[in-house]
Amino acid sequence: MNKNTLGIGILRYGFVFVFLWFASEQILHPEMWVRLIPAWTVSLSGLSASTVLILNALFEIAGALLLATNLFVPIAAVLLSLHLFGIAIDLGWGAIAVRDIGLAVSLLALAVLSRKE
């Protein structure tokens, strides 16, 4: 295994951990997370905030599973990156948004590095 393959694997599994942790927290402790669901997603979708939260958790689990199984990594990484950019934009400028932007950019790097030539 060369260092690039090792680095990509470390990135993939780091993000698997991050997204599975957040998704499991949303499912196990929805009361802590449902207040973070933007009102515009509820009004635009017509779904309850709780339903949007569960759908968000399922999306994050699906993305994590794709990364963990090394399937469609570039696509999963781009979608998860866009997801994090959306969260960062919705949060407004601050420490959490800056962190999420860093993670989103790292996911874009993973997408590029994982692309088959």
N, C-alpha and C. Protein backbone atom coordinates (compact mmCIF):
# COMPACT_ATOMS: atom_id res chain seq x y z
N MET A 1 0.86 -1.18 0.00
CA MET A 1 0.00 0.00 0.00
C MET A 1 0.90 1.24 0.00
N ASN A 2 0.67 2.13 -0.96
CA ASN A 2 1.48 3.35 -1.00
C ASN A 2 0.88 4.42 -0.08
N LYS A 3 1.64 5.48 0.11
CA LYS A 3 1.18 6.51 1.07
C LYS A 3 -0.06 7.24 0.60
N ASN A 4 -0.27 7.37 -0.72
CA ASN A 4 -1.49 8.01 -1.20
C ASN A 4 -2.72 7.16 -0.89
N THR A 5 -2.62 5.86 -1.10
CA THR A 5 -3.72 4.95 -0.78
C THR A 5 -4.01 4.98 0.71
N LEU A 6 -2.96 4.97 1.51
CA LEU A 6 -3.12 5.04 2.96
C LEU A 6 -3.79 6.35 3.37
N GLY A 7 -3.34 7.45 2.80
CA GLY A 7 -3.92 8.76 3.12
C GLY A 7 -5.39 8.84 2.75
N ILE A 8 -5.75 8.32 1.59
CA ILE A 8 -7.15 8.31 1.17
C ILE A 8 -7.98 7.46 2.13
N GLY A 9 -7.44 6.32 2.53
CA GLY A 9 -8.15 5.46 3.48
C GLY A 9 -8.37 6.15 4.82
N ILE A 10 -7.35 6.84 5.29
CA ILE A 10 -7.48 7.58 6.56
C ILE A 10 -8.57 8.64 6.44
N LEU A 11 -8.58 9.38 5.34
CA LEU A 11 -9.63 10.38 5.12
C LEU A 11 -11.01 9.73 5.09
N ARG A 12 -11.14 8.65 4.31
CA ARG A 12 -12.43 7.97 4.18
C ARG A 12 -12.95 7.53 5.54
N TYR A 13 -12.11 6.83 6.31
CA TYR A 13 -12.59 6.30 7.58
C TYR A 13 -12.76 7.39 8.64
N GLY A 14 -12.01 8.45 8.54
CA GLY A 14 -12.26 9.59 9.42
C GLY A 14 -13.65 10.16 9.19
N PHE A 15 -14.03 10.29 7.92
CA PHE A 15 -15.36 10.81 7.61
C PHE A 15 -16.45 9.79 7.93
N VAL A 16 -16.17 8.52 7.77
CA VAL A 16 -17.14 7.49 8.18
C VAL A 16 -17.46 7.69 9.66
N PHE A 17 -16.43 7.83 10.47
CA PHE A 17 -16.63 8.05 11.91
C PHE A 17 -17.46 9.30 12.17
N VAL A 18 -17.09 10.41 11.54
CA VAL A 18 -17.79 11.68 11.77
C VAL A 18 -19.27 11.57 11.42
N PHE A 19 -19.56 11.06 10.22
CA PHE A 19 -20.97 11.03 9.79
C PHE A 19 -21.78 9.99 10.55
N LEU A 20 -21.19 8.84 10.89
CA LEU A 20 -21.94 7.86 11.68
C LEU A 20 -22.19 8.38 13.10
N TRP A 21 -21.23 9.11 13.66
CA TRP A 21 -21.44 9.67 14.98
C TRP A 21 -22.60 10.67 14.97
N PHE A 22 -22.56 11.61 14.03
CA PHE A 22 -23.62 12.62 13.97
C PHE A 22 -24.98 11.98 13.68
N ALA A 23 -25.02 11.03 12.76
CA ALA A 23 -26.28 10.38 12.42
C ALA A 23 -26.84 9.62 13.62
N SER A 24 -25.99 8.88 14.32
CA SER A 24 -26.48 8.13 15.48
C SER A 24 -26.96 9.07 16.59
N GLU A 25 -26.27 10.18 16.78
CA GLU A 25 -26.73 11.16 17.78
C GLU A 25 -28.09 11.74 17.40
N GLN A 26 -28.30 12.00 16.11
CA GLN A 26 -29.59 12.54 15.67
C GLN A 26 -30.72 11.54 15.89
N ILE A 27 -30.42 10.26 15.70
CA ILE A 27 -31.44 9.22 15.89
C ILE A 27 -31.67 8.94 17.37
N LEU A 28 -30.60 8.87 18.15
CA LEU A 28 -30.73 8.52 19.57
C LEU A 28 -31.18 9.69 20.44
N HIS A 29 -30.83 10.92 20.04
CA HIS A 29 -31.15 12.10 20.85
C HIS A 29 -31.74 13.20 19.96
N PRO A 30 -32.87 12.94 19.32
CA PRO A 30 -33.42 13.92 18.38
C PRO A 30 -33.77 15.26 19.03
N GLU A 31 -34.10 15.23 20.31
CA GLU A 31 -34.48 16.48 20.99
C GLU A 31 -33.32 17.48 21.02
N MET A 32 -32.10 16.99 20.96
CA MET A 32 -30.94 17.89 20.96
C MET A 32 -30.67 18.48 19.58
N TRP A 33 -31.19 17.85 18.55
CA TRP A 33 -30.83 18.22 17.18
C TRP A 33 -31.98 18.86 16.40
N VAL A 34 -33.20 18.53 16.76
CA VAL A 34 -34.34 18.98 15.96
C VAL A 34 -34.44 20.50 15.92
N ARG A 35 -33.99 21.16 16.96
CA ARG A 35 -34.04 22.64 16.99
C ARG A 35 -33.08 23.27 15.98
N LEU A 36 -32.12 22.48 15.49
CA LEU A 36 -31.16 22.99 14.51
C LEU A 36 -31.66 22.88 13.06
N ILE A 37 -32.80 22.22 12.88
CA ILE A 37 -33.36 22.09 11.54
C ILE A 37 -33.88 23.46 11.11
N PRO A 38 -33.39 23.97 9.98
CA PRO A 38 -33.83 25.29 9.53
C PRO A 38 -35.33 25.31 9.20
N ALA A 39 -35.99 26.37 9.59
CA ALA A 39 -37.43 26.51 9.34
C ALA A 39 -37.75 26.43 7.85
N TRP A 40 -36.84 26.94 7.00
CA TRP A 40 -37.12 26.93 5.57
C TRP A 40 -37.19 25.51 5.01
N THR A 41 -36.44 24.55 5.61
CA THR A 41 -36.53 23.17 5.11
C THR A 41 -37.88 22.56 5.45
N VAL A 42 -38.40 22.91 6.61
CA VAL A 42 -39.71 22.41 7.02
C VAL A 42 -40.80 23.00 6.13
N SER A 43 -40.76 24.31 5.93
CA SER A 43 -41.81 24.94 5.11
C SER A 43 -41.70 24.54 3.64
N LEU A 44 -40.49 24.41 3.14
CA LEU A 44 -40.29 24.04 1.74
C LEU A 44 -40.69 22.59 1.47
N SER A 45 -40.37 21.70 2.40
CA SER A 45 -40.64 20.27 2.19
C SER A 45 -42.04 19.86 2.61
N GLY A 46 -42.63 20.60 3.55
CA GLY A 46 -43.92 20.20 4.09
C GLY A 46 -43.81 19.08 5.11
N LEU A 47 -42.58 18.72 5.45
CA LEU A 47 -42.35 17.66 6.44
C LEU A 47 -42.11 18.28 7.81
N SER A 48 -42.30 17.48 8.84
CA SER A 48 -42.01 17.98 10.18
C SER A 48 -40.50 18.06 10.38
N ALA A 49 -40.08 18.86 11.34
CA ALA A 49 -38.66 18.98 11.64
C ALA A 49 -38.08 17.63 12.05
N SER A 50 -38.86 16.83 12.78
CA SER A 50 -38.40 15.50 13.19
C SER A 50 -38.16 14.60 11.99
N THR A 51 -39.03 14.67 11.01
CA THR A 51 -38.87 13.86 9.80
C THR A 51 -37.65 14.31 9.01
N VAL A 52 -37.47 15.62 8.89
CA VAL A 52 -36.29 16.15 8.19
C VAL A 52 -35.02 15.68 8.90
N LEU A 53 -35.04 15.68 10.23
CA LEU A 53 -33.89 15.24 11.00
C LEU A 53 -33.56 13.77 10.71
N ILE A 54 -34.57 12.92 10.71
CA ILE A 54 -34.35 11.50 10.44
C ILE A 54 -33.85 11.30 9.01
N LEU A 55 -34.42 12.02 8.05
CA LEU A 55 -33.95 11.92 6.66
C LEU A 55 -32.49 12.38 6.55
N ASN A 56 -32.14 13.41 7.29
CA ASN A 56 -30.76 13.89 7.32
C ASN A 56 -29.84 12.80 7.85
N ALA A 57 -30.25 12.17 8.95
CA ALA A 57 -29.44 11.10 9.55
C ALA A 57 -29.29 9.93 8.57
N LEU A 58 -30.35 9.57 7.88
CA LEU A 58 -30.28 8.47 6.91
C LEU A 58 -29.36 8.81 5.75
N PHE A 59 -29.40 10.07 5.30
CA PHE A 59 -28.48 10.52 4.24
C PHE A 59 -27.04 10.40 4.70
N GLU A 60 -26.76 10.82 5.92
CA GLU A 60 -25.40 10.75 6.45
C GLU A 60 -24.95 9.30 6.63
N ILE A 61 -25.84 8.41 7.05
CA ILE A 61 -25.51 6.99 7.16
C ILE A 61 -25.21 6.40 5.79
N ALA A 62 -26.04 6.72 4.81
CA ALA A 62 -25.82 6.21 3.45
C ALA A 62 -24.47 6.68 2.91
N GLY A 63 -24.17 7.96 3.10
CA GLY A 63 -22.88 8.48 2.64
C GLY A 63 -21.72 7.81 3.34
N ALA A 64 -21.83 7.62 4.65
CA ALA A 64 -20.77 6.96 5.43
C ALA A 64 -20.58 5.52 4.96
N LEU A 65 -21.66 4.83 4.68
CA LEU A 65 -21.55 3.44 4.22
C LEU A 65 -20.88 3.35 2.85
N LEU A 66 -21.18 4.30 1.98
CA LEU A 66 -20.50 4.33 0.68
C LEU A 66 -19.00 4.56 0.86
N LEU A 67 -18.64 5.47 1.74
CA LEU A 67 -17.22 5.71 2.00
C LEU A 67 -16.57 4.48 2.62
N ALA A 68 -17.26 3.85 3.57
CA ALA A 68 -16.69 2.69 4.28
C ALA A 68 -16.47 1.51 3.35
N THR A 69 -17.38 1.34 2.40
CA THR A 69 -17.28 0.20 1.48
C THR A 69 -16.50 0.53 0.22
N ASN A 70 -16.01 1.77 0.13
CA ASN A 70 -15.22 2.22 -1.02
C ASN A 70 -16.02 2.17 -2.33
N LEU A 71 -17.32 2.40 -2.22
CA LEU A 71 -18.19 2.42 -3.39
C LEU A 71 -18.60 3.85 -3.71
N PHE A 72 -18.46 4.23 -4.96
CA PHE A 72 -18.88 5.56 -5.42
C PHE A 72 -18.33 6.67 -4.53
N VAL A 73 -17.10 6.53 -4.09
CA VAL A 73 -16.49 7.48 -3.16
C VAL A 73 -16.51 8.91 -3.70
N PRO A 74 -16.12 9.16 -4.96
CA PRO A 74 -16.14 10.55 -5.43
C PRO A 74 -17.54 11.17 -5.36
N ILE A 75 -18.55 10.41 -5.73
CA ILE A 75 -19.93 10.93 -5.71
C ILE A 75 -20.38 11.16 -4.26
N ALA A 76 -20.14 10.17 -3.40
CA ALA A 76 -20.54 10.31 -1.99
C ALA A 76 -19.82 11.48 -1.35
N ALA A 77 -18.52 11.63 -1.62
CA ALA A 77 -17.75 12.72 -1.02
C ALA A 77 -18.26 14.08 -1.48
N VAL A 78 -18.59 14.21 -2.75
CA VAL A 78 -19.11 15.49 -3.25
C VAL A 78 -20.47 15.79 -2.61
N LEU A 79 -21.35 14.80 -2.54
CA LEU A 79 -22.67 15.03 -1.94
C LEU A 79 -22.55 15.38 -0.46
N LEU A 80 -21.69 14.68 0.26
CA LEU A 80 -21.50 15.01 1.67
C LEU A 80 -20.85 16.39 1.83
N SER A 81 -19.96 16.74 0.91
CA SER A 81 -19.35 18.07 0.94
C SER A 81 -20.40 19.16 0.74
N LEU A 82 -21.25 18.98 -0.25
CA LEU A 82 -22.33 19.95 -0.49
C LEU A 82 -23.24 20.05 0.73
N HIS A 83 -23.50 18.92 1.36
CA HIS A 83 -24.32 18.87 2.57
C HIS A 83 -23.68 19.74 3.67
N LEU A 84 -22.37 19.58 3.87
CA LEU A 84 -21.68 20.37 4.90
C LEU A 84 -21.60 21.85 4.53
N PHE A 85 -21.38 22.16 3.25
CA PHE A 85 -21.40 23.56 2.83
C PHE A 85 -22.76 24.17 3.13
N GLY A 86 -23.83 23.43 2.86
CA GLY A 86 -25.19 23.91 3.15
C GLY A 86 -25.39 24.18 4.63
N ILE A 87 -24.91 23.27 5.46
CA ILE A 87 -25.02 23.46 6.92
C ILE A 87 -24.23 24.70 7.34
N ALA A 88 -23.03 24.85 6.81
CA ALA A 88 -22.18 26.00 7.17
C ALA A 88 -22.85 27.31 6.76
N ILE A 89 -23.41 27.36 5.58
CA ILE A 89 -24.08 28.57 5.11
C ILE A 89 -25.28 28.89 6.01
N ASP A 90 -26.03 27.86 6.35
CA ASP A 90 -27.22 28.08 7.18
C ASP A 90 -26.85 28.54 8.59
N LEU A 91 -25.70 28.08 9.10
CA LEU A 91 -25.28 28.47 10.45
C LEU A 91 -24.83 29.91 10.54
N GLY A 92 -24.38 30.47 9.44
CA GLY A 92 -23.81 31.81 9.47
C GLY A 92 -22.35 31.74 9.88
N TRP A 93 -21.66 32.83 9.70
CA TRP A 93 -20.22 32.87 9.93
C TRP A 93 -19.91 32.70 11.41
N GLY A 94 -19.08 31.75 11.73
CA GLY A 94 -18.67 31.49 13.11
C GLY A 94 -17.78 30.26 13.15
N ALA A 95 -17.38 29.89 14.35
CA ALA A 95 -16.43 28.79 14.53
C ALA A 95 -16.95 27.47 13.97
N ILE A 96 -18.21 27.16 14.20
CA ILE A 96 -18.75 25.88 13.73
C ILE A 96 -18.83 25.87 12.21
N ALA A 97 -19.25 26.97 11.62
CA ALA A 97 -19.32 27.06 10.16
C ALA A 97 -17.94 26.93 9.53
N VAL A 98 -16.95 27.58 10.13
CA VAL A 98 -15.58 27.49 9.61
C VAL A 98 -15.08 26.04 9.67
N ARG A 99 -15.36 25.36 10.77
CA ARG A 99 -14.98 23.95 10.88
C ARG A 99 -15.66 23.12 9.80
N ASP A 100 -16.97 23.34 9.60
CA ASP A 100 -17.70 22.58 8.58
C ASP A 100 -17.18 22.87 7.18
N ILE A 101 -16.77 24.10 6.92
CA ILE A 101 -16.18 24.43 5.62
C ILE A 101 -14.87 23.67 5.43
N GLY A 102 -14.05 23.59 6.47
CA GLY A 102 -12.82 22.81 6.40
C GLY A 102 -13.09 21.34 6.11
N LEU A 103 -14.09 20.78 6.76
CA LEU A 103 -14.47 19.39 6.50
C LEU A 103 -15.00 19.23 5.07
N ALA A 104 -15.80 20.19 4.62
CA ALA A 104 -16.36 20.12 3.27
C ALA A 104 -15.26 20.18 2.21
N VAL A 105 -14.27 21.03 2.42
CA VAL A 105 -13.15 21.12 1.48
C VAL A 105 -12.34 19.82 1.51
N SER A 106 -12.17 19.24 2.68
CA SER A 106 -11.47 17.96 2.79
C SER A 106 -12.22 16.85 2.05
N LEU A 107 -13.54 16.88 2.10
CA LEU A 107 -14.33 15.92 1.34
C LEU A 107 -14.16 16.12 -0.16
N LEU A 108 -14.06 17.37 -0.61
CA LEU A 108 -13.80 17.62 -2.03
C LEU A 108 -12.43 17.07 -2.43
N ALA A 109 -11.44 17.23 -1.57
CA ALA A 109 -10.12 16.66 -1.84
C ALA A 109 -10.21 15.14 -1.93
N LEU A 110 -10.97 14.53 -1.04
CA LEU A 110 -11.17 13.08 -1.08
C LEU A 110 -11.82 12.66 -2.40
N ALA A 111 -12.80 13.43 -2.84
CA ALA A 111 -13.45 13.12 -4.12
C ALA A 111 -12.46 13.16 -5.27
N VAL A 112 -11.61 14.17 -5.30
CA VAL A 112 -10.62 14.30 -6.37
C VAL A 112 -9.59 13.16 -6.28
N LEU A 113 -9.10 12.88 -5.10
CA LEU A 113 -8.07 11.86 -4.93
C LEU A 113 -8.61 10.45 -5.20
N SER A 114 -9.90 10.25 -5.01
CA SER A 114 -10.51 8.93 -5.18
C SER A 114 -10.98 8.66 -6.61
N ARG A 115 -10.98 9.68 -7.43
CA ARG A 115 -11.44 9.54 -8.81
C ARG A 115 -10.56 8.59 -9.58
N LYS A 116 -11.19 7.68 -10.31
CA LYS A 116 -10.44 6.77 -11.18
C LYS A 116 -10.09 7.51 -12.46
N GLU A 117 -8.87 7.39 -12.89
CA GLU A 117 -8.43 8.07 -14.12
C GLU A 117 -9.01 7.39 -15.34
